[in-house]
Amino acid sequence: MSILPVLSAIADAAPDATILLTTGTVTSARLLDQYLKPELARRVLHRFVPLDVPAWAARFLDHWRPDAAGFVESELWPNLLAACRARGHPGDADQWSHV
């Protein structure tokens, strides 16, 4: 799981933050449970990503209210990205090189 070092870096940079992590498959969720270290697992909240329907993406973000959004691998959903941008979350293409 390529996200594990990123989760550790976020946790180190923001020690009081809870990290909301979405995946699209049951397999990814199981791998996360298997490989996430216990001290980090307490700070990572897993949810399945909503299907890329504008209203569902908006409802998901309205409910969870993340302070920032990051996308890895195949988690690039156009409507979810648009909903993040509409809320002013970091994540524009020009910022991705800094992640």
N, C-alpha and C. Protein backbone atom coordinates (compact mmCIF):
# COMPACT_ATOMS: atom_id res chain seq x y z
N MET A 1 0.84 -1.18 0.00
CA MET A 1 0.00 0.00 0.00
C MET A 1 0.88 1.24 0.00
N SER A 2 0.87 1.92 -1.11
CA SER A 2 1.74 3.08 -1.29
C SER A 2 1.37 4.25 -0.39
N ILE A 3 0.20 4.26 0.18
CA ILE A 3 -0.25 5.37 1.01
C ILE A 3 0.33 5.34 2.42
N LEU A 4 0.81 4.21 2.88
CA LEU A 4 1.26 4.09 4.27
C LEU A 4 2.34 5.09 4.65
N PRO A 5 3.40 5.30 3.84
CA PRO A 5 4.39 6.32 4.22
C PRO A 5 3.81 7.73 4.22
N VAL A 6 2.84 7.98 3.35
CA VAL A 6 2.20 9.29 3.31
C VAL A 6 1.39 9.52 4.58
N LEU A 7 0.67 8.50 5.02
CA LEU A 7 -0.10 8.61 6.27
C LEU A 7 0.83 8.90 7.45
N SER A 8 1.97 8.22 7.49
CA SER A 8 2.93 8.46 8.57
C SER A 8 3.45 9.89 8.53
N ALA A 9 3.74 10.38 7.34
CA ALA A 9 4.25 11.75 7.21
C ALA A 9 3.21 12.78 7.63
N ILE A 10 1.96 12.56 7.26
CA ILE A 10 0.89 13.47 7.67
C ILE A 10 0.74 13.43 9.19
N ALA A 11 0.76 12.26 9.76
CA ALA A 11 0.62 12.11 11.21
C ALA A 11 1.76 12.82 11.94
N ASP A 12 2.97 12.71 11.42
CA ASP A 12 4.11 13.40 12.04
C ASP A 12 3.99 14.91 11.92
N ALA A 13 3.51 15.38 10.77
CA ALA A 13 3.41 16.82 10.53
C ALA A 13 2.24 17.46 11.28
N ALA A 14 1.21 16.68 11.55
CA ALA A 14 0.02 17.20 12.23
C ALA A 14 -0.37 16.24 13.35
N PRO A 15 0.34 16.31 14.48
CA PRO A 15 0.15 15.32 15.54
C PRO A 15 -1.25 15.26 16.15
N ASP A 16 -2.04 16.31 16.01
CA ASP A 16 -3.39 16.31 16.58
C ASP A 16 -4.47 15.96 15.56
N ALA A 17 -4.07 15.72 14.33
CA ALA A 17 -5.04 15.49 13.26
C ALA A 17 -5.54 14.05 13.24
N THR A 18 -6.81 13.92 12.89
CA THR A 18 -7.38 12.63 12.55
C THR A 18 -7.38 12.58 11.02
N ILE A 19 -6.96 11.47 10.47
CA ILE A 19 -6.83 11.34 9.02
C ILE A 19 -8.01 10.53 8.48
N LEU A 20 -8.78 11.11 7.58
CA LEU A 20 -9.87 10.42 6.92
C LEU A 20 -9.31 9.83 5.62
N LEU A 21 -9.34 8.52 5.52
CA LEU A 21 -8.81 7.83 4.34
C LEU A 21 -9.93 7.07 3.66
N THR A 22 -10.07 7.28 2.37
CA THR A 22 -11.07 6.54 1.61
C THR A 22 -10.39 5.54 0.69
N THR A 23 -11.07 4.43 0.48
CA THR A 23 -10.65 3.47 -0.53
C THR A 23 -11.90 3.05 -1.29
N GLY A 24 -11.68 2.43 -2.43
CA GLY A 24 -12.80 2.04 -3.26
C GLY A 24 -13.12 0.56 -3.25
N THR A 25 -12.29 -0.22 -2.56
CA THR A 25 -12.50 -1.67 -2.58
C THR A 25 -12.38 -2.27 -1.19
N VAL A 26 -13.03 -3.39 -1.00
CA VAL A 26 -12.93 -4.14 0.24
C VAL A 26 -11.50 -4.63 0.43
N THR A 27 -10.85 -5.02 -0.66
CA THR A 27 -9.47 -5.49 -0.58
C THR A 27 -8.56 -4.41 -0.01
N SER A 28 -8.70 -3.18 -0.49
CA SER A 28 -7.88 -2.08 0.04
C SER A 28 -8.14 -1.86 1.53
N ALA A 29 -9.39 -1.94 1.92
CA ALA A 29 -9.73 -1.77 3.34
C ALA A 29 -9.09 -2.87 4.18
N ARG A 30 -9.12 -4.09 3.69
CA ARG A 30 -8.50 -5.21 4.43
C ARG A 30 -6.98 -5.04 4.51
N LEU A 31 -6.37 -4.61 3.42
CA LEU A 31 -4.92 -4.38 3.44
C LEU A 31 -4.56 -3.28 4.42
N LEU A 32 -5.37 -2.24 4.47
CA LEU A 32 -5.14 -1.16 5.42
C LEU A 32 -5.18 -1.70 6.85
N ASP A 33 -6.19 -2.49 7.17
CA ASP A 33 -6.28 -3.10 8.50
C ASP A 33 -5.08 -3.97 8.80
N GLN A 34 -4.59 -4.67 7.78
CA GLN A 34 -3.48 -5.60 7.97
C GLN A 34 -2.14 -4.90 8.16
N TYR A 35 -1.89 -3.82 7.43
CA TYR A 35 -0.56 -3.22 7.41
C TYR A 35 -0.40 -1.92 8.19
N LEU A 36 -1.49 -1.30 8.60
CA LEU A 36 -1.38 -0.05 9.33
C LEU A 36 -0.93 -0.32 10.76
N LYS A 37 0.11 0.34 11.18
CA LYS A 37 0.63 0.16 12.53
C LYS A 37 -0.42 0.63 13.55
N PRO A 38 -0.52 -0.07 14.69
CA PRO A 38 -1.56 0.26 15.68
C PRO A 38 -1.55 1.72 16.14
N GLU A 39 -0.38 2.30 16.34
CA GLU A 39 -0.33 3.68 16.82
C GLU A 39 -0.86 4.66 15.77
N LEU A 40 -0.73 4.31 14.50
CA LEU A 40 -1.28 5.14 13.44
C LEU A 40 -2.74 4.80 13.18
N ALA A 41 -3.10 3.56 13.37
CA ALA A 41 -4.48 3.12 13.13
C ALA A 41 -5.48 3.87 14.01
N ARG A 42 -5.05 4.29 15.19
CA ARG A 42 -5.94 5.05 16.09
C ARG A 42 -6.29 6.42 15.51
N ARG A 43 -5.47 6.90 14.58
CA ARG A 43 -5.67 8.24 14.02
C ARG A 43 -6.22 8.23 12.60
N VAL A 44 -6.35 7.05 12.02
CA VAL A 44 -6.84 6.94 10.65
C VAL A 44 -8.26 6.39 10.66
N LEU A 45 -9.16 7.14 10.08
CA LEU A 45 -10.56 6.75 9.98
C LEU A 45 -10.82 6.36 8.53
N HIS A 46 -11.16 5.10 8.30
CA HIS A 46 -11.41 4.62 6.94
C HIS A 46 -12.89 4.67 6.60
N ARG A 47 -13.16 5.14 5.41
CA ARG A 47 -14.51 5.10 4.84
C ARG A 47 -14.35 4.77 3.35
N PHE A 48 -15.38 4.17 2.78
CA PHE A 48 -15.36 3.92 1.34
C PHE A 48 -15.71 5.20 0.61
N VAL A 49 -14.98 5.45 -0.47
CA VAL A 49 -15.21 6.66 -1.26
C VAL A 49 -16.59 6.57 -1.91
N PRO A 50 -17.32 7.69 -1.94
CA PRO A 50 -18.63 7.63 -2.59
C PRO A 50 -18.45 7.48 -4.11
N LEU A 51 -19.47 6.91 -4.74
CA LEU A 51 -19.44 6.87 -6.19
C LEU A 51 -19.40 8.31 -6.71
N ASP A 52 -18.85 8.48 -7.90
CA ASP A 52 -18.58 9.82 -8.41
C ASP A 52 -19.84 10.48 -9.00
N VAL A 53 -20.78 10.72 -8.12
CA VAL A 53 -22.02 11.42 -8.44
C VAL A 53 -21.94 12.76 -7.70
N PRO A 54 -22.12 13.87 -8.40
CA PRO A 54 -21.92 15.17 -7.74
C PRO A 54 -22.63 15.32 -6.39
N ALA A 55 -23.88 14.95 -6.30
CA ALA A 55 -24.62 15.11 -5.03
C ALA A 55 -24.04 14.23 -3.93
N TRP A 56 -23.60 13.02 -4.29
CA TRP A 56 -23.04 12.11 -3.28
C TRP A 56 -21.67 12.60 -2.82
N ALA A 57 -20.86 13.10 -3.74
CA ALA A 57 -19.56 13.65 -3.35
C ALA A 57 -19.74 14.85 -2.43
N ALA A 58 -20.68 15.72 -2.78
CA ALA A 58 -20.95 16.90 -1.95
C ALA A 58 -21.44 16.50 -0.56
N ARG A 59 -22.34 15.53 -0.51
CA ARG A 59 -22.87 15.08 0.79
C ARG A 59 -21.76 14.47 1.65
N PHE A 60 -20.88 13.69 1.02
CA PHE A 60 -19.76 13.08 1.74
C PHE A 60 -18.87 14.17 2.35
N LEU A 61 -18.51 15.17 1.55
CA LEU A 61 -17.64 16.25 2.05
C LEU A 61 -18.36 17.12 3.07
N ASP A 62 -19.65 17.36 2.87
CA ASP A 62 -20.40 18.14 3.85
C ASP A 62 -20.47 17.42 5.20
N HIS A 63 -20.57 16.11 5.16
CA HIS A 63 -20.63 15.34 6.41
C HIS A 63 -19.27 15.31 7.13
N TRP A 64 -18.21 14.98 6.40
CA TRP A 64 -16.90 14.79 7.03
C TRP A 64 -16.12 16.09 7.21
N ARG A 65 -16.36 17.08 6.38
CA ARG A 65 -15.72 18.39 6.48
C ARG A 65 -14.19 18.31 6.65
N PRO A 66 -13.50 17.69 5.70
CA PRO A 66 -12.03 17.61 5.83
C PRO A 66 -11.39 18.98 5.66
N ASP A 67 -10.25 19.17 6.30
CA ASP A 67 -9.50 20.42 6.17
C ASP A 67 -8.65 20.44 4.91
N ALA A 68 -8.32 19.27 4.41
CA ALA A 68 -7.51 19.17 3.19
C ALA A 68 -7.85 17.84 2.53
N ALA A 69 -7.47 17.72 1.28
CA ALA A 69 -7.72 16.47 0.54
C ALA A 69 -6.47 16.12 -0.25
N GLY A 70 -6.16 14.84 -0.29
CA GLY A 70 -5.05 14.34 -1.08
C GLY A 70 -5.52 13.11 -1.83
N PHE A 71 -5.01 12.90 -3.01
CA PHE A 71 -5.45 11.79 -3.84
C PHE A 71 -4.23 11.02 -4.32
N VAL A 72 -4.32 9.69 -4.25
CA VAL A 72 -3.24 8.83 -4.70
C VAL A 72 -3.78 7.73 -5.60
N GLU A 73 -2.89 7.20 -6.40
CA GLU A 73 -3.19 6.07 -7.28
C GLU A 73 -4.43 6.33 -8.11
N SER A 74 -5.44 5.49 -8.01
CA SER A 74 -6.62 5.61 -8.88
C SER A 74 -7.78 6.34 -8.22
N GLU A 75 -7.51 7.08 -7.16
CA GLU A 75 -8.57 7.76 -6.43
C GLU A 75 -8.89 9.14 -7.02
N LEU A 76 -8.78 9.30 -8.31
CA LEU A 76 -9.04 10.58 -8.95
C LEU A 76 -10.45 10.57 -9.55
N TRP A 77 -11.39 11.04 -8.78
CA TRP A 77 -12.78 11.08 -9.20
C TRP A 77 -13.13 12.51 -9.56
N PRO A 78 -13.47 12.79 -10.82
CA PRO A 78 -13.69 14.18 -11.26
C PRO A 78 -14.69 14.97 -10.41
N ASN A 79 -15.82 14.38 -10.07
CA ASN A 79 -16.82 15.12 -9.29
C ASN A 79 -16.38 15.34 -7.86
N LEU A 80 -15.66 14.39 -7.28
CA LEU A 80 -15.12 14.58 -5.93
C LEU A 80 -14.06 15.67 -5.94
N LEU A 81 -13.21 15.68 -6.97
CA LEU A 81 -12.21 16.74 -7.09
C LEU A 81 -12.88 18.10 -7.24
N ALA A 82 -13.93 18.17 -8.05
CA ALA A 82 -14.65 19.43 -8.24
C ALA A 82 -15.30 19.88 -6.93
N ALA A 83 -15.86 18.95 -6.17
CA ALA A 83 -16.48 19.30 -4.89
C ALA A 83 -15.42 19.80 -3.90
N CYS A 84 -14.25 19.20 -3.91
CA CYS A 84 -13.15 19.68 -3.05
C CYS A 84 -12.74 21.08 -3.46
N ARG A 85 -12.58 21.29 -4.75
CA ARG A 85 -12.18 22.62 -5.24
C ARG A 85 -13.23 23.66 -4.86
N ALA A 86 -14.51 23.31 -4.96
CA ALA A 86 -15.59 24.24 -4.62
C ALA A 86 -15.54 24.64 -3.15
N ARG A 87 -15.00 23.78 -2.31
CA ARG A 87 -14.90 24.07 -0.88
C ARG A 87 -13.56 24.70 -0.51
N GLY A 88 -12.70 24.94 -1.52
CA GLY A 88 -11.43 25.60 -1.27
C GLY A 88 -10.36 24.70 -0.69
N HIS A 89 -10.52 23.37 -0.81
CA HIS A 89 -9.51 22.45 -0.29
C HIS A 89 -8.27 22.47 -1.17
N PRO A 90 -7.10 22.37 -0.56
CA PRO A 90 -5.89 22.22 -1.35
C PRO A 90 -6.02 20.98 -2.23
N GLY A 91 -5.38 20.99 -3.35
CA GLY A 91 -5.42 19.83 -4.21
C GLY A 91 -5.42 20.17 -5.69
N ASP A 92 -5.25 21.46 -6.01
CA ASP A 92 -5.15 21.82 -7.42
C ASP A 92 -3.91 21.19 -8.01
N ALA A 93 -3.93 20.95 -9.30
CA ALA A 93 -2.83 20.28 -9.99
C ALA A 93 -1.49 20.95 -9.75
N ASP A 94 -1.46 22.28 -9.65
CA ASP A 94 -0.19 22.97 -9.44
C ASP A 94 0.37 22.72 -8.04
N GLN A 95 -0.45 22.26 -7.11
CA GLN A 95 0.02 21.98 -5.76
C GLN A 95 0.45 20.52 -5.60
N TRP A 96 0.06 19.65 -6.52
CA TRP A 96 0.34 18.23 -6.36
C TRP A 96 1.82 17.94 -6.33
N SER A 97 2.62 18.74 -7.01
CA SER A 97 4.06 18.47 -7.03
C SER A 97 4.70 18.69 -5.67
N HIS A 98 4.00 19.37 -4.76
CA HIS A 98 4.54 19.64 -3.43
C HIS A 98 4.22 18.54 -2.44
N VAL A 99 3.41 17.59 -2.83
CA VAL A 99 3.01 16.52 -1.92
C VAL A 99 4.06 15.44 -1.88
